[in-house]
Amino acid sequence: MGWNLEVAAVKTDELFMAVPDVFLETETTMGFEDATSFSRFPNLCVAQVGDWAVTIETGHRLSGSTDYLEERSAGTELHLVRIDDQAIALHFVNGQPVAEERKPDGEDGETWAMGVLFDRTGVSFGGLWDVKFTLFEV
């Protein structure tokens, strides 16, 4: 397992709608490799990928924040995958939890999470290499 991060996809065309209110958008942009670096913590990186604002979070704070999940999915939908040894996938619609899945035993968490995100949103991790992420600071 190489990554230890969370990826949240919110169906919106406004980047700020995919991050908690305490973060402010900056002028700084970067590629996927820099956006997934733990050196970004405590900040977040967000990119528009089709219909989805995709947030990269390296501190595992989003999956544990019911307020974030409910608020950011209000009036839309949100998919979150946590990539680590105990990978999970969450789905919220209109502020309500719809599904929660855990990585099956014996599967690689990184591969499983990438597959779940793609199946649910059409966002592929390979496609994330082609977009610029905007830094949001605390």
C-alpha atoms as a PDB file:
ATOM      1  CA  MET A   1       0.000   0.000   0.000  1.00  0.00           C
ATOM      2  CA  GLY A   2       1.585   3.249  -1.120  1.00  0.00           C
ATOM      3  CA  TRP A   3      -0.972   5.940  -0.325  1.00  0.00           C
ATOM      4  CA  ASN A   4      -2.480   7.015   2.935  1.00  0.00           C
ATOM      5  CA  LEU A   5      -5.092   9.624   2.035  1.00  0.00           C
ATOM      6  CA  GLU A   6      -8.731  10.381   1.354  1.00  0.00           C
ATOM      7  CA  VAL A   7     -10.317  11.412  -1.926  1.00  0.00           C
ATOM      8  CA  ALA A   8     -13.758  13.031  -1.859  1.00  0.00           C
ATOM      9  CA  ALA A   9     -15.739  13.708  -5.038  1.00  0.00           C
ATOM     10  CA  VAL A  10     -18.636  16.161  -4.755  1.00  0.00           C
ATOM     11  CA  LYS A  11     -20.940  16.638  -7.728  1.00  0.00           C
ATOM     12  CA  THR A  12     -20.545  20.398  -8.192  1.00  0.00           C
ATOM     13  CA  ASP A  13     -18.792  22.843 -10.478  1.00  0.00           C
ATOM     14  CA  GLU A  14     -17.661  25.059  -7.571  1.00  0.00           C
ATOM     15  CA  LEU A  15     -14.377  23.958  -5.968  1.00  0.00           C
ATOM     16  CA  PHE A  16     -15.166  25.640  -2.637  1.00  0.00           C
ATOM     17  CA  MET A  17     -18.289  23.448  -2.303  1.00  0.00           C
ATOM     18  CA  ALA A  18     -16.046  20.394  -1.907  1.00  0.00           C
ATOM     19  CA  VAL A  19     -14.100  21.624   1.141  1.00  0.00           C
ATOM     20  CA  PRO A  20     -15.008  22.431   4.748  1.00  0.00           C
ATOM     21  CA  ASP A  21     -15.780  26.099   5.441  1.00  0.00           C
ATOM     22  CA  VAL A  22     -12.544  26.664   7.405  1.00  0.00           C
ATOM     23  CA  PHE A  23     -10.408  26.389   4.238  1.00  0.00           C
ATOM     24  CA  LEU A  24      -9.672  29.312   1.929  1.00  0.00           C
ATOM     25  CA  GLU A  25      -8.838  29.022  -1.768  1.00  0.00           C
ATOM     26  CA  THR A  26      -5.355  30.167  -2.789  1.00  0.00           C
ATOM     27  CA  GLU A  27      -3.750  31.010  -6.138  1.00  0.00           C
ATOM     28  CA  THR A  28      -1.391  28.022  -5.818  1.00  0.00           C
ATOM     29  CA  THR A  29      -1.913  25.112  -8.199  1.00  0.00           C
ATOM     30  CA  MET A  30      -0.077  21.826  -8.568  1.00  0.00           C
ATOM     31  CA  GLY A  31      -0.191  18.391 -10.139  1.00  0.00           C
ATOM     32  CA  PHE A  32      -1.538  15.185  -8.625  1.00  0.00           C
ATOM     33  CA  GLU A  33       1.786  13.997  -7.220  1.00  0.00           C
ATOM     34  CA  ASP A  34       2.271  17.195  -5.202  1.00  0.00           C
ATOM     35  CA  ALA A  35      -1.412  17.281  -4.195  1.00  0.00           C
ATOM     36  CA  THR A  36      -1.135  13.811  -2.647  1.00  0.00           C
ATOM     37  CA  SER A  37       2.046  14.602  -0.693  1.00  0.00           C
ATOM     38  CA  PHE A  38       1.696  14.522   3.085  1.00  0.00           C
ATOM     39  CA  SER A  39       3.656  17.793   3.101  1.00  0.00           C
ATOM     40  CA  ARG A  40       0.361  19.514   2.103  1.00  0.00           C
ATOM     41  CA  PHE A  41      -1.151  18.724   5.523  1.00  0.00           C
ATOM     42  CA  PRO A  42      -3.085  20.437   7.101  1.00  0.00           C
ATOM     43  CA  ASN A  43      -4.247  21.933   3.794  1.00  0.00           C
ATOM     44  CA  LEU A  44      -6.354  20.374   1.031  1.00  0.00           C
ATOM     45  CA  CYS A  45      -6.069  20.260  -2.751  1.00  0.00           C
ATOM     46  CA  VAL A  46      -9.092  20.346  -5.067  1.00  0.00           C
ATOM     47  CA  ALA A  47      -9.533  19.933  -8.834  1.00  0.00           C
ATOM     48  CA  GLN A  48     -12.501  19.957 -11.183  1.00  0.00           C
ATOM     49  CA  VAL A  49     -12.826  16.637 -13.004  1.00  0.00           C
ATOM     50  CA  GLY A  50     -15.875  16.620 -15.228  1.00  0.00           C
ATOM     51  CA  ASP A  51     -18.944  17.085 -13.034  1.00  0.00           C
ATOM     52  CA  TRP A  52     -16.970  16.439  -9.854  1.00  0.00           C
ATOM     53  CA  ALA A  53     -14.908  18.636  -7.540  1.00  0.00           C
ATOM     54  CA  VAL A  54     -12.282  16.187  -6.259  1.00  0.00           C
ATOM     55  CA  THR A  55     -10.633  16.867  -2.900  1.00  0.00           C
ATOM     56  CA  ILE A  56      -7.365  15.262  -1.782  1.00  0.00           C
ATOM     57  CA  GLU A  57      -6.906  15.116   2.002  1.00  0.00           C
ATOM     58  CA  THR A  58      -3.804  13.536   3.550  1.00  0.00           C
ATOM     59  CA  GLY A  59      -4.887  13.605   7.199  1.00  0.00           C
ATOM     60  CA  HIS A  60      -7.998  11.376   7.137  1.00  0.00           C
ATOM     61  CA  ARG A  61     -10.178  14.152   8.575  1.00  0.00           C
ATOM     62  CA  LEU A  62     -13.031  14.095   6.058  1.00  0.00           C
ATOM     63  CA  SER A  63     -14.328  10.551   6.589  1.00  0.00           C
ATOM     64  CA  GLY A  64     -14.721  11.186  10.308  1.00  0.00           C
ATOM     65  CA  SER A  65     -16.506  14.518   9.924  1.00  0.00           C
ATOM     66  CA  THR A  66     -20.240  13.911   9.787  1.00  0.00           C
ATOM     67  CA  ASP A  67     -20.767  17.667   9.440  1.00  0.00           C
ATOM     68  CA  TYR A  68     -18.575  17.788   6.320  1.00  0.00           C
ATOM     69  CA  LEU A  69     -20.204  14.739   4.731  1.00  0.00           C
ATOM     70  CA  GLU A  70     -23.742  15.957   5.379  1.00  0.00           C
ATOM     71  CA  GLU A  71     -23.152  19.623   4.480  1.00  0.00           C
ATOM     72  CA  ARG A  72     -21.206  19.010   1.281  1.00  0.00           C
ATOM     73  CA  SER A  73     -23.669  16.420  -0.005  1.00  0.00           C
ATOM     74  CA  ALA A  74     -26.727  18.611   0.694  1.00  0.00           C
ATOM     75  CA  GLY A  75     -28.538  19.080  -2.620  1.00  0.00           C
ATOM     76  CA  THR A  76     -26.052  16.843  -4.451  1.00  0.00           C
ATOM     77  CA  GLU A  77     -23.994  13.711  -3.887  1.00  0.00           C
ATOM     78  CA  LEU A  78     -20.611  12.948  -2.402  1.00  0.00           C
ATOM     79  CA  HIS A  79     -18.397   9.895  -2.703  1.00  0.00           C
ATOM     80  CA  LEU A  80     -15.377   9.468  -0.448  1.00  0.00           C
ATOM     81  CA  VAL A  81     -12.718   6.787  -0.485  1.00  0.00           C
ATOM     82  CA  ARG A  82     -10.091   6.391   2.195  1.00  0.00           C
ATOM     83  CA  ILE A  83      -6.956   4.709   0.942  1.00  0.00           C
ATOM     84  CA  ASP A  84      -4.977   2.942   3.651  1.00  0.00           C
ATOM     85  CA  ASP A  85      -4.762  -0.467   5.303  1.00  0.00           C
ATOM     86  CA  GLN A  86      -8.438  -0.174   6.334  1.00  0.00           C
ATOM     87  CA  ALA A  87      -9.853   1.359   3.159  1.00  0.00           C
ATOM     88  CA  ILE A  88     -13.478   2.479   3.153  1.00  0.00           C
ATOM     89  CA  ALA A  89     -15.915   4.034   0.692  1.00  0.00           C
ATOM     90  CA  LEU A  90     -18.766   6.344   1.729  1.00  0.00           C
ATOM     91  CA  HIS A  91     -21.676   7.651  -0.344  1.00  0.00           C
ATOM     92  CA  PHE A  92     -23.911  10.537   0.760  1.00  0.00           C
ATOM     93  CA  VAL A  93     -26.860  12.028  -1.142  1.00  0.00           C
ATOM     94  CA  ASN A  94     -28.799  15.124  -0.087  1.00  0.00           C
ATOM     95  CA  GLY A  95     -27.074  15.195   3.278  1.00  0.00           C
ATOM     96  CA  GLN A  96     -27.847  11.566   4.102  1.00  0.00           C
ATOM     97  CA  PRO A  97     -25.628   8.469   4.181  1.00  0.00           C
ATOM     98  CA  VAL A  98     -26.550   6.018   1.431  1.00  0.00           C
ATOM     99  CA  ALA A  99     -23.776   3.433   1.558  1.00  0.00           C
ATOM    100  CA  GLU A 100     -20.619   2.487   3.411  1.00  0.00           C
ATOM    101  CA  GLU A 101     -18.284  -0.242   2.217  1.00  0.00           C
ATOM    102  CA  ARG A 102     -15.085  -1.642   3.617  1.00  0.00           C
ATOM    103  CA  LYS A 103     -12.303  -3.202   1.609  1.00  0.00           C
ATOM    104  CA  PRO A 104     -12.753  -6.962   1.405  1.00  0.00           C
ATOM    105  CA  ASP A 105     -10.097  -9.052   3.139  1.00  0.00           C
ATOM    106  CA  GLY A 106      -7.246  -9.969   0.869  1.00  0.00           C
ATOM    107  CA  GLU A 107      -7.715  -7.051  -1.544  1.00  0.00           C
ATOM    108  CA  ASP A 108      -5.273  -4.196  -1.963  1.00  0.00           C
ATOM    109  CA  GLY A 109      -6.836  -1.043  -0.468  1.00  0.00           C
ATOM    110  CA  GLU A 110      -5.401   1.276  -3.093  1.00  0.00           C
ATOM    111  CA  THR A 111      -6.690  -0.740  -6.037  1.00  0.00           C
ATOM    112  CA  TRP A 112     -10.057  -1.346  -4.371  1.00  0.00           C
ATOM    113  CA  ALA A 113     -10.595   2.349  -3.541  1.00  0.00           C
ATOM    114  CA  MET A 114      -9.617   3.448  -7.055  1.00  0.00           C
ATOM    115  CA  GLY A 115     -12.101   0.975  -8.524  1.00  0.00           C
ATOM    116  CA  VAL A 116     -14.931   2.078  -6.249  1.00  0.00           C
ATOM    117  CA  LEU A 117     -14.378   5.764  -7.043  1.00  0.00           C
ATOM    118  CA  PHE A 118     -14.296   5.078 -10.784  1.00  0.00           C
ATOM    119  CA  ASP A 119     -17.388   2.852 -10.701  1.00  0.00           C
ATOM    120  CA  ARG A 120     -19.400   5.475  -8.817  1.00  0.00           C
ATOM    121  CA  THR A 121     -18.196   8.700 -10.442  1.00  0.00           C
ATOM    122  CA  GLY A 122     -16.278   7.889 -13.621  1.00  0.00           C
ATOM    123  CA  VAL A 123     -13.264   9.658 -12.070  1.00  0.00           C
ATOM    124  CA  SER A 124     -10.153   7.573 -12.592  1.00  0.00           C
ATOM    125  CA  PHE A 125      -6.947   8.033 -10.652  1.00  0.00           C
ATOM    126  CA  GLY A 126      -5.118   7.983 -13.984  1.00  0.00           C
ATOM    127  CA  GLY A 127      -7.194  10.978 -15.072  1.00  0.00           C
ATOM    128  CA  LEU A 128      -6.193  12.893 -11.939  1.00  0.00           C
ATOM    129  CA  TRP A 129      -2.640  13.171 -13.306  1.00  0.00           C
ATOM    130  CA  ASP A 130      -3.975  15.411 -16.088  1.00  0.00           C
ATOM    131  CA  VAL A 131      -5.611  18.142 -13.964  1.00  0.00           C
ATOM    132  CA  LYS A 132      -4.328  21.023 -11.843  1.00  0.00           C
ATOM    133  CA  PHE A 133      -5.232  21.006  -8.177  1.00  0.00           C
ATOM    134  CA  THR A 134      -5.867  24.245  -6.293  1.00  0.00           C
ATOM    135  CA  LEU A 135      -4.488  24.549  -2.766  1.00  0.00           C
ATOM    136  CA  PHE A 136      -6.986  25.396  -0.013  1.00  0.00           C
ATOM    137  CA  GLU A 137      -5.367  26.544   3.238  1.00  0.00           C
ATOM    138  CA  VAL A 138      -6.603  26.460   6.800  1.00  0.00           C
END
